[in-house]
Amino acid sequence: MKRILFILLLTTSYAGQSQINQVFDDWFISAGFNAVNSRGTLNPFYRPGEWAFKTPFAVSGEKQWNRDWTVELAINVNGINEGQDFDPGPAPEDFTYFSLDAMAKWYFGRQIFRRGYDKIDFYLNGGLGFFTIDQSNVSVNFGGGVLFWLNEDNTFGLRLQCIGKFAFNNADSGFDNNHYQWGLHAIWRLK
C-alpha cells in the first residue's frame, strides 16, 4: 500500500510539474532600435536629441521560467559620430557601440491591473553587461519598461524600456562609462 501511494504521489507530482512547465515555458524574441544617453547626468531623459542613434539595432532572446520571471540575453549595436557630445567630451572619431547583456526580468503588471487584463505589462530588470565603445567595460544593469501586447493571443507586441548601465571601471574608462540605454522593440512570443 505504501508503494502504491508513493507511486501515485510521484506520478501526480510529475504530471503537475509538466503542466506548469507547459504553461510557463514560453520563449520570446525581439528586434528593434536603441539610443544611448551618455550625457554625464543622472537624468535618463536629458536632451534626447543628443543621444547616440547611429545604426541603432537591438535583438534579444528571452526565456520565461515562471509566471512573472524571465531571463534575457540582448545584443545592441549603435554608433557615435565624430564631434558628437558624449561623456566625457566630444568624440575625437567615429565609434561603434556594442553591448551584450544578460538580465533577469520581473513582470509585475499582474499585481497592478485587474484580473483578466493582460494587454499591458510592466517589468523591472537587472543583470550584468559587457559593452565597448573605445575600450571595453563590464556593467551592472538596472532598468524597467512596459510591454504592450497588440494581438488577441498575446504573441506580438511592442515594448519600451530604459536600462541604466553602471560601469565597473567608471573612473578611468573614458567613453566607456556609466550611461542609459533606451530601447523600442517589437516582441514575438514563440509557443
N, C-alpha and C. Protein backbone atom coordinates (compact mmCIF):
# COMPACT_ATOMS: atom_id res chain seq x y z
N MET A 1 0.81 -1.19 0.00
CA MET A 1 0.00 0.00 0.00
C MET A 1 0.86 1.26 0.00
N LYS A 2 1.96 1.25 0.79
CA LYS A 2 2.85 2.40 0.83
C LYS A 2 3.49 2.63 -0.53
N ARG A 3 3.84 1.55 -1.23
CA ARG A 3 4.44 1.68 -2.56
C ARG A 3 3.44 2.28 -3.54
N ILE A 4 2.20 1.86 -3.47
CA ILE A 4 1.18 2.39 -4.37
C ILE A 4 0.97 3.87 -4.10
N LEU A 5 0.89 4.27 -2.84
CA LEU A 5 0.74 5.68 -2.50
C LEU A 5 1.95 6.50 -2.96
N PHE A 6 3.14 5.95 -2.79
CA PHE A 6 4.35 6.63 -3.23
C PHE A 6 4.35 6.82 -4.74
N ILE A 7 4.01 5.78 -5.50
CA ILE A 7 3.96 5.87 -6.96
C ILE A 7 2.89 6.86 -7.40
N LEU A 8 1.74 6.82 -6.76
CA LEU A 8 0.66 7.75 -7.09
C LEU A 8 1.08 9.19 -6.81
N LEU A 9 1.72 9.44 -5.69
CA LEU A 9 2.19 10.78 -5.35
C LEU A 9 3.25 11.26 -6.33
N LEU A 10 4.18 10.39 -6.66
CA LEU A 10 5.24 10.73 -7.61
C LEU A 10 4.66 11.05 -8.98
N THR A 11 3.73 10.23 -9.45
CA THR A 11 3.11 10.45 -10.76
C THR A 11 2.33 11.75 -10.79
N THR A 12 1.57 12.02 -9.74
CA THR A 12 0.79 13.26 -9.66
C THR A 12 1.72 14.47 -9.63
N SER A 13 2.80 14.40 -8.88
CA SER A 13 3.77 15.50 -8.82
C SER A 13 4.38 15.75 -10.18
N TYR A 14 4.78 14.70 -10.86
CA TYR A 14 5.40 14.84 -12.17
C TYR A 14 4.41 15.42 -13.17
N ALA A 15 3.17 14.93 -13.18
CA ALA A 15 2.16 15.45 -14.10
C ALA A 15 1.87 16.92 -13.81
N GLY A 16 1.78 17.28 -12.54
CA GLY A 16 1.54 18.68 -12.17
C GLY A 16 2.69 19.56 -12.59
N GLN A 17 3.92 19.10 -12.39
CA GLN A 17 5.09 19.88 -12.78
C GLN A 17 5.15 20.06 -14.29
N SER A 18 4.83 19.01 -15.06
CA SER A 18 4.87 19.14 -16.51
C SER A 18 3.80 20.10 -17.00
N GLN A 19 2.64 20.15 -16.34
CA GLN A 19 1.61 21.12 -16.70
C GLN A 19 2.10 22.54 -16.44
N ILE A 20 2.76 22.74 -15.32
CA ILE A 20 3.30 24.08 -15.01
C ILE A 20 4.34 24.46 -16.05
N ASN A 21 5.22 23.54 -16.42
CA ASN A 21 6.24 23.84 -17.40
C ASN A 21 5.63 24.16 -18.76
N GLN A 22 4.52 23.51 -19.12
CA GLN A 22 3.89 23.81 -20.39
C GLN A 22 3.29 25.21 -20.38
N VAL A 23 2.72 25.63 -19.29
CA VAL A 23 2.10 26.94 -19.22
C VAL A 23 3.15 28.05 -19.23
N PHE A 24 4.26 27.87 -18.52
CA PHE A 24 5.24 28.93 -18.37
C PHE A 24 6.57 28.58 -19.04
N ASP A 25 6.50 27.99 -20.21
CA ASP A 25 7.71 27.57 -20.90
C ASP A 25 7.86 28.32 -22.22
N ASP A 26 7.47 29.60 -22.25
CA ASP A 26 7.50 30.37 -23.49
C ASP A 26 8.87 30.97 -23.74
N TRP A 27 9.17 31.14 -25.01
CA TRP A 27 10.34 31.87 -25.47
C TRP A 27 9.85 33.14 -26.14
N PHE A 28 10.64 34.19 -26.05
CA PHE A 28 10.33 35.45 -26.71
C PHE A 28 11.55 35.88 -27.51
N ILE A 29 11.33 36.47 -28.67
CA ILE A 29 12.42 37.10 -29.41
C ILE A 29 11.99 38.53 -29.69
N SER A 30 12.96 39.42 -29.78
CA SER A 30 12.63 40.81 -30.08
C SER A 30 13.69 41.41 -30.98
N ALA A 31 13.28 42.42 -31.70
CA ALA A 31 14.19 43.20 -32.55
C ALA A 31 13.69 44.63 -32.55
N GLY A 32 14.62 45.55 -32.62
CA GLY A 32 14.21 46.95 -32.62
C GLY A 32 15.38 47.90 -32.63
N PHE A 33 15.16 49.04 -32.02
CA PHE A 33 16.12 50.13 -32.03
C PHE A 33 16.52 50.50 -30.61
N ASN A 34 17.72 51.10 -30.48
CA ASN A 34 18.18 51.58 -29.19
C ASN A 34 18.82 52.95 -29.35
N ALA A 35 18.85 53.71 -28.29
CA ALA A 35 19.52 55.00 -28.25
C ALA A 35 20.33 55.05 -26.96
N VAL A 36 21.54 55.58 -27.04
CA VAL A 36 22.44 55.63 -25.90
C VAL A 36 22.54 57.07 -25.40
N ASN A 37 22.20 57.26 -24.12
CA ASN A 37 22.27 58.56 -23.46
C ASN A 37 23.48 58.56 -22.53
N SER A 38 24.57 59.17 -22.98
CA SER A 38 25.76 59.30 -22.14
C SER A 38 26.10 60.78 -22.04
N ARG A 39 25.22 61.54 -21.42
CA ARG A 39 25.39 62.98 -21.32
C ARG A 39 25.96 63.40 -19.97
N GLY A 40 26.40 62.44 -19.15
CA GLY A 40 27.02 62.78 -17.88
C GLY A 40 26.04 63.33 -16.85
N THR A 41 24.82 62.84 -16.87
CA THR A 41 23.79 63.31 -15.94
C THR A 41 23.07 62.13 -15.32
N LEU A 42 22.42 62.35 -14.19
CA LEU A 42 21.62 61.30 -13.57
C LEU A 42 20.22 61.21 -14.18
N ASN A 43 19.86 62.15 -15.03
CA ASN A 43 18.54 62.21 -15.63
C ASN A 43 18.50 61.36 -16.91
N PRO A 44 17.74 60.26 -16.93
CA PRO A 44 17.71 59.42 -18.13
C PRO A 44 17.00 60.09 -19.30
N PHE A 45 16.27 61.19 -19.08
CA PHE A 45 15.54 61.88 -20.13
C PHE A 45 16.28 63.11 -20.66
N TYR A 46 17.50 63.37 -20.21
CA TYR A 46 18.24 64.59 -20.52
C TYR A 46 18.60 64.67 -22.00
N ARG A 47 18.16 65.72 -22.67
CA ARG A 47 18.50 66.06 -24.06
C ARG A 47 18.40 64.86 -25.02
N PRO A 48 17.21 64.33 -25.26
CA PRO A 48 17.08 63.17 -26.14
C PRO A 48 17.55 63.41 -27.57
N GLY A 49 17.54 64.65 -28.02
CA GLY A 49 18.02 64.95 -29.38
C GLY A 49 19.52 64.75 -29.54
N GLU A 50 20.25 64.61 -28.43
CA GLU A 50 21.70 64.46 -28.49
C GLU A 50 22.17 63.04 -28.16
N TRP A 51 21.27 62.10 -28.05
CA TRP A 51 21.65 60.72 -27.76
C TRP A 51 22.26 60.07 -29.00
N ALA A 52 23.10 59.07 -28.78
CA ALA A 52 23.69 58.31 -29.89
C ALA A 52 22.60 57.47 -30.56
N PHE A 53 22.49 57.64 -31.88
CA PHE A 53 21.45 56.93 -32.63
C PHE A 53 21.97 56.71 -34.05
N LYS A 54 23.06 55.97 -34.17
CA LYS A 54 23.68 55.69 -35.47
C LYS A 54 23.75 54.16 -35.60
N THR A 55 23.11 53.61 -36.59
CA THR A 55 22.94 52.14 -36.74
C THR A 55 22.46 51.52 -35.43
N PRO A 56 21.30 51.94 -34.93
CA PRO A 56 20.83 51.55 -33.59
C PRO A 56 20.03 50.26 -33.57
N PHE A 57 20.67 49.14 -33.76
CA PHE A 57 19.96 47.86 -33.88
C PHE A 57 20.06 47.06 -32.58
N ALA A 58 18.96 46.38 -32.22
CA ALA A 58 18.93 45.58 -30.99
C ALA A 58 18.17 44.28 -31.26
N VAL A 59 18.68 43.16 -30.73
CA VAL A 59 17.98 41.87 -30.78
C VAL A 59 18.12 41.21 -29.42
N SER A 60 17.14 40.37 -29.08
CA SER A 60 17.24 39.65 -27.81
C SER A 60 16.42 38.37 -27.87
N GLY A 61 16.78 37.47 -26.98
CA GLY A 61 16.02 36.25 -26.73
C GLY A 61 15.71 36.19 -25.25
N GLU A 62 14.50 35.75 -24.94
CA GLU A 62 14.04 35.76 -23.55
C GLU A 62 13.34 34.44 -23.25
N LYS A 63 13.62 33.87 -22.10
CA LYS A 63 13.05 32.58 -21.69
C LYS A 63 12.25 32.78 -20.41
N GLN A 64 10.97 32.43 -20.46
CA GLN A 64 10.12 32.51 -19.28
C GLN A 64 10.32 31.25 -18.45
N TRP A 65 10.60 31.42 -17.16
CA TRP A 65 10.81 30.25 -16.31
C TRP A 65 9.84 30.19 -15.15
N ASN A 66 8.92 31.16 -15.08
CA ASN A 66 7.83 31.15 -14.11
C ASN A 66 6.84 32.21 -14.54
N ARG A 67 5.73 32.30 -13.89
CA ARG A 67 4.66 33.21 -14.34
C ARG A 67 5.13 34.65 -14.49
N ASP A 68 5.95 35.13 -13.58
CA ASP A 68 6.36 36.54 -13.57
C ASP A 68 7.83 36.78 -13.87
N TRP A 69 8.62 35.75 -14.11
CA TRP A 69 10.06 35.92 -14.27
C TRP A 69 10.56 35.37 -15.60
N THR A 70 11.50 36.11 -16.22
CA THR A 70 12.17 35.64 -17.42
C THR A 70 13.66 35.95 -17.30
N VAL A 71 14.43 35.33 -18.17
CA VAL A 71 15.85 35.60 -18.32
C VAL A 71 16.07 36.03 -19.76
N GLU A 72 16.83 37.11 -19.97
CA GLU A 72 17.02 37.67 -21.31
C GLU A 72 18.50 37.82 -21.63
N LEU A 73 18.85 37.56 -22.89
CA LEU A 73 20.17 37.85 -23.43
C LEU A 73 19.95 38.81 -24.59
N ALA A 74 20.57 40.00 -24.52
CA ALA A 74 20.34 41.05 -25.51
C ALA A 74 21.66 41.52 -26.13
N ILE A 75 21.60 41.82 -27.43
CA ILE A 75 22.74 42.37 -28.16
C ILE A 75 22.28 43.71 -28.74
N ASN A 76 23.09 44.75 -28.52
CA ASN A 76 22.79 46.09 -29.03
C ASN A 76 23.99 46.63 -29.79
N VAL A 77 23.72 47.26 -30.91
CA VAL A 77 24.75 47.93 -31.71
C VAL A 77 24.28 49.36 -31.93
N ASN A 78 25.19 50.29 -31.85
CA ASN A 78 24.89 51.69 -32.09
C ASN A 78 26.19 52.36 -32.53
N GLY A 79 26.21 53.67 -32.62
CA GLY A 79 27.42 54.38 -33.01
C GLY A 79 27.42 55.81 -32.54
N ILE A 80 28.61 56.38 -32.47
CA ILE A 80 28.80 57.77 -32.07
C ILE A 80 29.58 58.44 -33.20
N ASN A 81 29.08 59.58 -33.65
CA ASN A 81 29.75 60.32 -34.72
C ASN A 81 30.88 61.17 -34.19
N GLU A 82 31.89 61.36 -35.00
CA GLU A 82 32.99 62.24 -34.64
C GLU A 82 32.45 63.63 -34.30
N GLY A 83 32.91 64.19 -33.19
CA GLY A 83 32.49 65.51 -32.75
C GLY A 83 31.21 65.53 -31.93
N GLN A 84 30.49 64.38 -31.85
CA GLN A 84 29.26 64.33 -31.07
C GLN A 84 29.59 64.42 -29.59
N ASP A 85 28.81 65.22 -28.85
CA ASP A 85 28.99 65.32 -27.41
C ASP A 85 28.61 64.00 -26.76
N PHE A 86 29.55 63.41 -26.06
CA PHE A 86 29.36 62.10 -25.44
C PHE A 86 30.29 62.08 -24.24
N ASP A 87 29.75 61.89 -23.06
CA ASP A 87 30.54 61.97 -21.84
C ASP A 87 31.78 61.09 -21.95
N PRO A 88 33.00 61.58 -21.77
CA PRO A 88 33.42 62.79 -21.07
C PRO A 88 33.67 64.00 -21.97
N GLY A 89 33.42 63.94 -23.27
CA GLY A 89 33.63 65.11 -24.14
C GLY A 89 33.31 64.74 -25.57
N PRO A 90 33.55 65.65 -26.51
CA PRO A 90 33.26 65.35 -27.91
C PRO A 90 34.09 64.15 -28.40
N ALA A 91 33.46 63.30 -29.18
CA ALA A 91 34.15 62.11 -29.70
C ALA A 91 35.20 62.54 -30.72
N PRO A 92 36.47 62.12 -30.56
CA PRO A 92 37.53 62.53 -31.49
C PRO A 92 37.44 61.81 -32.84
N GLU A 93 36.65 60.76 -32.92
CA GLU A 93 36.47 60.00 -34.16
C GLU A 93 35.14 59.25 -34.06
N ASP A 94 34.76 58.59 -35.16
CA ASP A 94 33.56 57.75 -35.12
C ASP A 94 33.83 56.51 -34.28
N PHE A 95 32.86 56.14 -33.46
CA PHE A 95 32.97 54.94 -32.64
C PHE A 95 31.76 54.05 -32.87
N THR A 96 31.96 52.76 -32.71
CA THR A 96 30.87 51.79 -32.72
C THR A 96 30.59 51.38 -31.29
N TYR A 97 29.33 51.37 -30.92
CA TYR A 97 28.89 50.93 -29.60
C TYR A 97 28.37 49.51 -29.75
N PHE A 98 28.84 48.60 -28.90
CA PHE A 98 28.36 47.21 -28.89
C PHE A 98 28.15 46.81 -27.44
N SER A 99 27.01 46.16 -27.16
CA SER A 99 26.79 45.65 -25.80
C SER A 99 26.14 44.28 -25.86
N LEU A 100 26.48 43.48 -24.86
CA LEU A 100 25.90 42.15 -24.64
C LEU A 100 25.46 42.11 -23.19
N ASP A 101 24.16 41.91 -22.97
CA ASP A 101 23.60 41.99 -21.61
C ASP A 101 22.83 40.72 -21.27
N ALA A 102 23.03 40.22 -20.06
CA ALA A 102 22.27 39.09 -19.52
C ALA A 102 21.52 39.60 -18.29
N MET A 103 20.17 39.51 -18.35
CA MET A 103 19.38 40.09 -17.27
C MET A 103 18.19 39.21 -16.89
N ALA A 104 17.78 39.34 -15.66
CA ALA A 104 16.53 38.73 -15.19
C ALA A 104 15.47 39.82 -15.20
N LYS A 105 14.23 39.43 -15.55
CA LYS A 105 13.11 40.38 -15.60
C LYS A 105 11.99 39.91 -14.70
N TRP A 106 11.44 40.85 -13.96
CA TRP A 106 10.27 40.58 -13.13
C TRP A 106 9.09 41.35 -13.70
N TYR A 107 8.11 40.66 -14.25
CA TYR A 107 6.90 41.27 -14.78
C TYR A 107 5.89 41.42 -13.64
N PHE A 108 5.59 42.66 -13.27
CA PHE A 108 4.71 42.89 -12.13
C PHE A 108 3.38 43.54 -12.53
N GLY A 109 3.07 43.60 -13.81
CA GLY A 109 1.82 44.21 -14.26
C GLY A 109 0.58 43.53 -13.72
N ARG A 110 0.65 42.21 -13.51
CA ARG A 110 -0.50 41.49 -12.95
C ARG A 110 -0.82 41.95 -11.54
N GLN A 111 0.17 42.50 -10.85
CA GLN A 111 -0.05 42.99 -9.50
C GLN A 111 -0.80 44.32 -9.51
N ILE A 112 -0.77 45.04 -10.65
CA ILE A 112 -1.38 46.36 -10.74
C ILE A 112 -2.78 46.29 -11.34
N PHE A 113 -2.90 45.57 -12.45
CA PHE A 113 -4.16 45.56 -13.19
C PHE A 113 -5.09 44.47 -12.68
N ARG A 114 -6.36 44.66 -12.93
CA ARG A 114 -7.37 43.69 -12.50
C ARG A 114 -7.18 42.37 -13.25
N ARG A 115 -7.71 41.32 -12.68
CA ARG A 115 -7.62 40.00 -13.31
C ARG A 115 -8.25 40.01 -14.69
N GLY A 116 -7.64 39.27 -15.57
CA GLY A 116 -8.18 39.15 -16.91
C GLY A 116 -7.67 40.21 -17.87
N TYR A 117 -6.98 41.25 -17.36
CA TYR A 117 -6.45 42.28 -18.25
C TYR A 117 -4.96 42.02 -18.42
N ASP A 118 -4.57 41.56 -19.60
CA ASP A 118 -3.17 41.18 -19.80
C ASP A 118 -2.57 41.80 -21.06
N LYS A 119 -3.08 42.94 -21.50
CA LYS A 119 -2.56 43.60 -22.70
C LYS A 119 -1.41 44.56 -22.41
N ILE A 120 -1.25 44.97 -21.16
CA ILE A 120 -0.14 45.85 -20.75
C ILE A 120 0.55 45.18 -19.57
N ASP A 121 1.87 45.16 -19.62
CA ASP A 121 2.63 44.60 -18.50
C ASP A 121 3.85 45.47 -18.25
N PHE A 122 4.14 45.72 -17.01
CA PHE A 122 5.33 46.46 -16.60
C PHE A 122 6.36 45.48 -16.07
N TYR A 123 7.64 45.83 -16.19
CA TYR A 123 8.69 44.96 -15.67
C TYR A 123 9.87 45.77 -15.16
N LEU A 124 10.60 45.15 -14.25
CA LEU A 124 11.91 45.63 -13.79
C LEU A 124 12.92 44.59 -14.22
N ASN A 125 14.12 45.04 -14.55
CA ASN A 125 15.16 44.08 -14.93
C ASN A 125 16.50 44.48 -14.34
N GLY A 126 17.35 43.50 -14.21
CA GLY A 126 18.69 43.73 -13.69
C GLY A 126 19.61 42.60 -14.07
N GLY A 127 20.89 42.90 -14.17
CA GLY A 127 21.85 41.87 -14.53
C GLY A 127 23.21 42.47 -14.80
N LEU A 128 23.98 41.75 -15.60
CA LEU A 128 25.33 42.16 -15.95
C LEU A 128 25.43 42.38 -17.44
N GLY A 129 26.37 43.24 -17.83
CA GLY A 129 26.57 43.51 -19.24
C GLY A 129 28.04 43.72 -19.57
N PHE A 130 28.33 43.57 -20.84
CA PHE A 130 29.64 43.89 -21.40
C PHE A 130 29.38 44.90 -22.50
N PHE A 131 30.15 45.99 -22.53
CA PHE A 131 29.99 46.94 -23.63
C PHE A 131 31.33 47.52 -24.02
N THR A 132 31.38 47.98 -25.26
CA THR A 132 32.61 48.58 -25.76
C THR A 132 32.27 49.77 -26.65
N ILE A 133 33.05 50.83 -26.50
CA ILE A 133 32.98 52.00 -27.37
C ILE A 133 34.39 52.25 -27.87
N ASP A 134 35.25 52.77 -27.02
CA ASP A 134 36.66 52.99 -27.33
C ASP A 134 37.51 51.89 -26.69
N GLN A 135 37.11 51.46 -25.50
CA GLN A 135 37.73 50.36 -24.79
C GLN A 135 36.60 49.38 -24.47
N SER A 136 36.81 48.48 -23.55
CA SER A 136 35.76 47.56 -23.11
C SER A 136 35.51 47.77 -21.63
N ASN A 137 34.29 47.47 -21.20
CA ASN A 137 33.96 47.60 -19.80
C ASN A 137 32.84 46.61 -19.46
N VAL A 138 32.70 46.31 -18.20
CA VAL A 138 31.62 45.46 -17.69
C VAL A 138 30.72 46.35 -16.85
N SER A 139 29.43 46.07 -16.88
CA SER A 139 28.49 46.93 -16.15
C SER A 139 27.50 46.10 -15.35
N VAL A 140 26.97 46.74 -14.32
CA VAL A 140 25.79 46.24 -13.61
C VAL A 140 24.62 47.03 -14.17
N ASN A 141 23.57 46.34 -14.59
CA ASN A 141 22.46 46.98 -15.28
C ASN A 141 21.18 46.90 -14.43
N PHE A 142 20.47 48.01 -14.38
CA PHE A 142 19.16 48.06 -13.73
C PHE A 142 18.24 48.90 -14.61
N GLY A 143 16.99 48.49 -14.71
CA GLY A 143 16.06 49.27 -15.52
C GLY A 143 14.65 48.75 -15.41
N GLY A 144 13.88 49.15 -16.39
CA GLY A 144 12.49 48.73 -16.43
C GLY A 144 11.86 49.12 -17.74
N GLY A 145 10.62 48.70 -17.90
CA GLY A 145 9.93 49.02 -19.14
C GLY A 145 8.47 48.63 -19.08
N VAL A 146 7.83 48.82 -20.23
CA VAL A 146 6.43 48.48 -20.38
C VAL A 146 6.26 47.71 -21.69
N LEU A 147 5.41 46.70 -21.64
CA LEU A 147 5.15 45.83 -22.78
C LEU A 147 3.67 45.95 -23.14
N PHE A 148 3.38 46.23 -24.41
CA PHE A 148 2.01 46.33 -24.92
C PHE A 148 1.77 45.19 -25.89
N TRP A 149 0.88 44.26 -25.55
CA TRP A 149 0.52 43.19 -26.47
C TRP A 149 -0.50 43.73 -27.46
N LEU A 150 -0.29 43.48 -28.76
CA LEU A 150 -1.11 44.10 -29.79
C LEU A 150 -2.11 43.16 -30.46
N ASN A 151 -2.02 41.86 -30.19
CA ASN A 151 -2.98 40.96 -30.81
C ASN A 151 -3.74 40.17 -29.73
N GLU A 152 -4.74 39.45 -30.17
CA GLU A 152 -5.67 38.79 -29.25
C GLU A 152 -5.01 37.73 -28.37
N ASP A 153 -4.09 36.94 -28.95
CA ASP A 153 -3.49 35.85 -28.17
C ASP A 153 -2.13 36.20 -27.57
N ASN A 154 -1.80 37.50 -27.50
CA ASN A 154 -0.56 37.98 -26.87
C ASN A 154 0.69 37.30 -27.42
N THR A 155 0.81 37.25 -28.74
CA THR A 155 2.01 36.69 -29.35
C THR A 155 2.84 37.76 -30.07
N PHE A 156 2.32 38.97 -30.21
CA PHE A 156 3.07 40.06 -30.84
C PHE A 156 2.82 41.34 -30.05
N GLY A 157 3.90 42.07 -29.76
CA GLY A 157 3.75 43.30 -29.00
C GLY A 157 4.88 44.28 -29.23
N LEU A 158 4.81 45.41 -28.54
CA LEU A 158 5.85 46.44 -28.55
C LEU A 158 6.26 46.70 -27.11
N ARG A 159 7.54 46.94 -26.92
CA ARG A 159 7.99 47.30 -25.58
C ARG A 159 8.92 48.51 -25.64
N LEU A 160 8.83 49.30 -24.60
CA LEU A 160 9.68 50.46 -24.41
C LEU A 160 10.40 50.26 -23.09
N GLN A 161 11.73 50.41 -23.10
CA GLN A 161 12.48 50.18 -21.87
C GLN A 161 13.64 51.15 -21.76
N CYS A 162 14.10 51.34 -20.52
CA CYS A 162 15.29 52.12 -20.23
C CYS A 162 16.14 51.32 -19.25
N ILE A 163 17.43 51.21 -19.55
CA ILE A 163 18.36 50.48 -18.70
C ILE A 163 19.51 51.41 -18.33
N GLY A 164 19.78 51.53 -17.04
CA GLY A 164 20.96 52.24 -16.57
C GLY A 164 22.12 51.26 -16.49
N LYS A 165 23.23 51.60 -17.13
CA LYS A 165 24.41 50.73 -17.13
C LYS A 165 25.51 51.40 -16.33
N PHE A 166 25.88 50.76 -15.23
CA PHE A 166 26.85 51.31 -14.30
C PHE A 166 28.17 50.55 -14.45
N ALA A 167 29.15 51.22 -15.07
CA ALA A 167 30.43 50.60 -15.41
C ALA A 167 31.25 50.27 -14.17
N PHE A 168 31.89 49.10 -14.19
CA PHE A 168 32.76 48.70 -13.08
C PHE A 168 33.95 49.62 -12.95
N ASN A 169 34.55 49.98 -14.08
CA ASN A 169 35.76 50.79 -14.07
C ASN A 169 35.40 52.18 -14.58
N ASN A 170 34.50 52.86 -13.90
CA ASN A 170 33.96 54.13 -14.39
C ASN A 170 34.99 55.26 -14.36
N ALA A 171 35.80 55.35 -13.34
CA ALA A 171 36.71 56.50 -13.17
C ALA A 171 37.74 56.61 -14.28
N ASP A 172 38.24 55.49 -14.80
CA ASP A 172 39.31 55.52 -15.79
C ASP A 172 38.86 55.03 -17.16
N SER A 173 37.59 55.04 -17.44
CA SER A 173 37.12 54.36 -18.64
C SER A 173 36.88 55.26 -19.84
N GLY A 174 37.06 56.56 -19.73
CA GLY A 174 36.85 57.44 -20.89
C GLY A 174 35.41 57.38 -21.37
N PHE A 175 35.22 57.03 -22.64
CA PHE A 175 33.87 56.97 -23.20
C PHE A 175 33.08 55.77 -22.68
N ASP A 176 33.77 54.73 -22.25
CA ASP A 176 33.10 53.52 -21.78
C ASP A 176 32.75 53.65 -20.30
N ASN A 177 31.83 54.57 -20.00
CA ASN A 177 31.46 54.82 -18.61
C ASN A 177 29.96 54.65 -18.42
N ASN A 178 29.44 55.10 -17.29
CA ASN A 178 28.01 54.96 -16.99
C ASN A 178 27.17 55.63 -18.06
N HIS A 179 26.05 55.00 -18.40
CA HIS A 179 25.14 55.58 -19.38
C HIS A 179 23.76 54.92 -19.29
N TYR A 180 22.81 55.49 -20.01
CA TYR A 180 21.47 54.91 -20.12
C TYR A 180 21.30 54.40 -21.54
N GLN A 181 20.55 53.33 -21.66
CA GLN A 181 20.21 52.82 -22.99
C GLN A 181 18.70 52.65 -23.08
N TRP A 182 18.12 53.33 -24.04
CA TRP A 182 16.68 53.24 -24.30
C TRP A 182 16.46 52.25 -25.43
N GLY A 183 15.32 51.59 -25.42
CA GLY A 183 15.01 50.66 -26.49
C GLY A 183 13.53 50.66 -26.84
N LEU A 184 13.24 50.54 -28.12
CA LEU A 184 11.89 50.33 -28.63
C LEU A 184 11.95 49.09 -29.50
N HIS A 185 11.26 48.02 -29.07
CA HIS A 185 11.39 46.72 -29.72
C HIS A 185 10.04 46.12 -30.06
N ALA A 186 10.00 45.42 -31.18
CA ALA A 186 8.88 44.51 -31.47
C ALA A 186 9.22 43.19 -30.81
N ILE A 187 8.23 42.53 -30.20
CA ILE A 187 8.48 41.28 -29.49
C ILE A 187 7.48 40.23 -29.93
N TRP A 188 7.99 39.00 -30.10
CA TRP A 188 7.16 37.87 -30.51
C TRP A 188 7.27 36.77 -29.47
N ARG A 189 6.13 36.20 -29.09
CA ARG A 189 6.10 35.05 -28.19
C ARG A 189 6.07 33.79 -29.05
N LEU A 190 7.01 32.89 -28.80
CA LEU A 190 7.07 31.62 -29.53
C LEU A 190 6.42 30.56 -28.68
N LYS A 191 5.36 29.97 -29.15
CA LYS A 191 4.65 28.94 -28.38
C LYS A 191 4.86 27.58 -28.99
